[in-house]
C-alpha atoms as a PDB file:
ATOM      1  CA  MET A   1       5.749 -64.125 -36.867  1.00  0.00           C
ATOM      2  CA  ASP A   2       9.154 -62.506 -36.801  1.00  0.00           C
ATOM      3  CA  GLU A   3       9.635 -58.966 -35.470  1.00  0.00           C
ATOM      4  CA  SER A   4      10.251 -57.361 -38.876  1.00  0.00           C
ATOM      5  CA  LYS A   5       6.916 -58.635 -40.279  1.00  0.00           C
ATOM      6  CA  GLN A   6       5.109 -57.479 -37.136  1.00  0.00           C
ATOM      7  CA  MET A   7       6.450 -53.955 -37.598  1.00  0.00           C
ATOM      8  CA  THR A   8       5.550 -53.910 -41.258  1.00  0.00           C
ATOM      9  CA  SER A   9       1.943 -54.956 -40.662  1.00  0.00           C
ATOM     10  CA  THR A  10       1.586 -52.513 -37.763  1.00  0.00           C
ATOM     11  CA  ASP A  11       2.921 -49.715 -39.943  1.00  0.00           C
ATOM     12  CA  THR A  12       0.317 -50.634 -42.560  1.00  0.00           C
ATOM     13  CA  LEU A  13      -2.472 -50.571 -39.966  1.00  0.00           C
ATOM     14  CA  ILE A  14      -1.279 -47.178 -38.725  1.00  0.00           C
ATOM     15  CA  LYS A  15      -1.323 -45.840 -42.272  1.00  0.00           C
ATOM     16  CA  MET A  16      -4.826 -47.230 -42.783  1.00  0.00           C
ATOM     17  CA  ILE A  17      -6.302 -45.803 -39.580  1.00  0.00           C
ATOM     18  CA  ASN A  18      -4.752 -42.411 -40.286  1.00  0.00           C
ATOM     19  CA  GLN A  19      -6.378 -42.433 -43.739  1.00  0.00           C
ATOM     20  CA  ILE A  20      -9.758 -43.467 -42.322  1.00  0.00           C
ATOM     21  CA  ALA A  21      -9.529 -40.817 -39.588  1.00  0.00           C
ATOM     22  CA  SER A  22      -8.674 -38.148 -42.173  1.00  0.00           C
ATOM     23  CA  ASN A  23     -11.667 -39.188 -44.282  1.00  0.00           C
ATOM     24  CA  MET A  24     -13.988 -39.024 -41.260  1.00  0.00           C
ATOM     25  CA  ALA A  25     -12.800 -35.547 -40.189  1.00  0.00           C
ATOM     26  CA  PRO A  26     -14.471 -33.133 -42.642  1.00  0.00           C
ATOM     27  CA  GLY A  27     -17.590 -31.603 -41.147  1.00  0.00           C
ATOM     28  CA  ARG A  28     -17.101 -33.263 -37.754  1.00  0.00           C
ATOM     29  CA  ASN A  29     -15.479 -32.235 -34.512  1.00  0.00           C
ATOM     30  CA  THR A  30     -12.597 -34.387 -33.255  1.00  0.00           C
ATOM     31  CA  GLN A  31     -14.731 -36.542 -30.951  1.00  0.00           C
ATOM     32  CA  ASP A  32     -17.363 -37.259 -33.595  1.00  0.00           C
ATOM     33  CA  ALA A  33     -14.700 -38.070 -36.184  1.00  0.00           C
ATOM     34  CA  ALA A  34     -12.981 -40.394 -33.700  1.00  0.00           C
ATOM     35  CA  SER A  35     -16.287 -42.127 -32.947  1.00  0.00           C
ATOM     36  CA  ALA A  36     -16.981 -42.576 -36.667  1.00  0.00           C
ATOM     37  CA  THR A  37     -13.465 -43.947 -37.185  1.00  0.00           C
ATOM     38  CA  ALA A  38     -13.824 -46.409 -34.296  1.00  0.00           C
ATOM     39  CA  ASP A  39     -17.232 -47.479 -35.606  1.00  0.00           C
ATOM     40  CA  HIS A  40     -15.705 -48.150 -39.017  1.00  0.00           C
ATOM     41  CA  LEU A  41     -12.977 -50.311 -37.467  1.00  0.00           C
ATOM     42  CA  ILE A  42     -15.473 -52.211 -35.309  1.00  0.00           C
ATOM     43  CA  ARG A  43     -17.692 -52.930 -38.306  1.00  0.00           C
ATOM     44  CA  PHE A  44     -15.161 -53.655 -41.044  1.00  0.00           C
ATOM     45  CA  TRP A  45     -11.781 -54.670 -39.646  1.00  0.00           C
ATOM     46  CA  ALA A  46     -10.887 -58.208 -38.630  1.00  0.00           C
ATOM     47  CA  ARG A  47     -10.564 -58.732 -34.893  1.00  0.00           C
ATOM     48  CA  SER A  48      -6.889 -59.597 -35.294  1.00  0.00           C
ATOM     49  CA  MET A  49      -6.246 -56.244 -36.991  1.00  0.00           C
ATOM     50  CA  LYS A  50      -8.017 -54.323 -34.227  1.00  0.00           C
ATOM     51  CA  PHE A  51      -6.171 -56.104 -31.439  1.00  0.00           C
ATOM     52  CA  GLN A  52      -2.831 -55.701 -33.204  1.00  0.00           C
ATOM     53  CA  LEU A  53      -3.460 -51.980 -33.581  1.00  0.00           C
ATOM     54  CA  ILE A  54      -4.524 -51.590 -29.940  1.00  0.00           C
ATOM     55  CA  SER A  55      -1.610 -53.557 -28.512  1.00  0.00           C
ATOM     56  CA  ASN A  56       1.077 -52.059 -30.728  1.00  0.00           C
ATOM     57  CA  THR A  57       0.102 -48.414 -30.344  1.00  0.00           C
ATOM     58  CA  LYS A  58      -0.536 -48.196 -26.582  1.00  0.00           C
ATOM     59  CA  ASN A  59       2.785 -46.516 -25.860  1.00  0.00           C
ATOM     60  CA  ASN A  60       3.634 -45.415 -29.374  1.00  0.00           C
ATOM     61  CA  VAL A  61       1.259 -42.832 -30.795  1.00  0.00           C
ATOM     62  CA  GLN A  62       3.752 -40.585 -32.595  1.00  0.00           C
ATOM     63  CA  GLN A  63       2.708 -41.812 -36.052  1.00  0.00           C
ATOM     64  CA  LEU A  64      -1.020 -41.449 -35.371  1.00  0.00           C
ATOM     65  CA  ASN A  65      -3.070 -38.358 -36.067  1.00  0.00           C
ATOM     66  CA  PRO A  66      -5.118 -37.051 -33.091  1.00  0.00           C
ATOM     67  CA  ILE A  67      -8.393 -38.473 -34.404  1.00  0.00           C
ATOM     68  CA  ALA A  68      -6.807 -41.901 -34.808  1.00  0.00           C
ATOM     69  CA  VAL A  69      -5.479 -41.757 -31.229  1.00  0.00           C
ATOM     70  CA  LYS A  70      -8.973 -41.028 -29.892  1.00  0.00           C
ATOM     71  CA  ALA A  71     -10.472 -43.733 -32.125  1.00  0.00           C
ATOM     72  CA  ILE A  72      -8.057 -46.304 -30.704  1.00  0.00           C
ATOM     73  CA  GLU A  73      -9.022 -45.208 -27.182  1.00  0.00           C
ATOM     74  CA  ILE A  74     -12.681 -45.795 -28.068  1.00  0.00           C
ATOM     75  CA  LEU A  75     -11.807 -49.126 -29.663  1.00  0.00           C
ATOM     76  CA  SER A  76      -9.844 -50.157 -26.564  1.00  0.00           C
ATOM     77  CA  ARG A  77     -12.811 -49.402 -24.309  1.00  0.00           C
ATOM     78  CA  HIS A  78     -15.143 -51.289 -26.670  1.00  0.00           C
ATOM     79  CA  TYR A  79     -12.995 -54.428 -26.451  1.00  0.00           C
ATOM     80  CA  GLU A  80     -12.030 -54.086 -22.777  1.00  0.00           C
ATOM     81  CA  GLY A  81     -12.108 -57.516 -21.189  1.00  0.00           C
ATOM     82  CA  VAL A  82     -12.342 -59.306 -24.555  1.00  0.00           C
ATOM     83  CA  GLN A  83      -9.498 -61.640 -25.440  1.00  0.00           C
ATOM     84  CA  ALA A  84      -7.864 -61.604 -28.830  1.00  0.00           C
ATOM     85  CA  VAL A  85      -8.389 -64.849 -30.691  1.00  0.00           C
END
């Protein structure tokens, strides 16, 4: 996959997680919203999407809302030691 397609798909994933995080926020504190967001990703996103999001946002969180950042941290811990396929 060339670099321009990689950036485009990562940008799409960032947009998606920000939307999910925003939808999980009402009525929850930040930690609970982040946990609900991570749970959604674990249950419904393809493994390749999760690993792409984790690897491409480690040092680049400027585009992520705070709930999304915490959700990715939870997701990273959940998949610690698991190899992307």
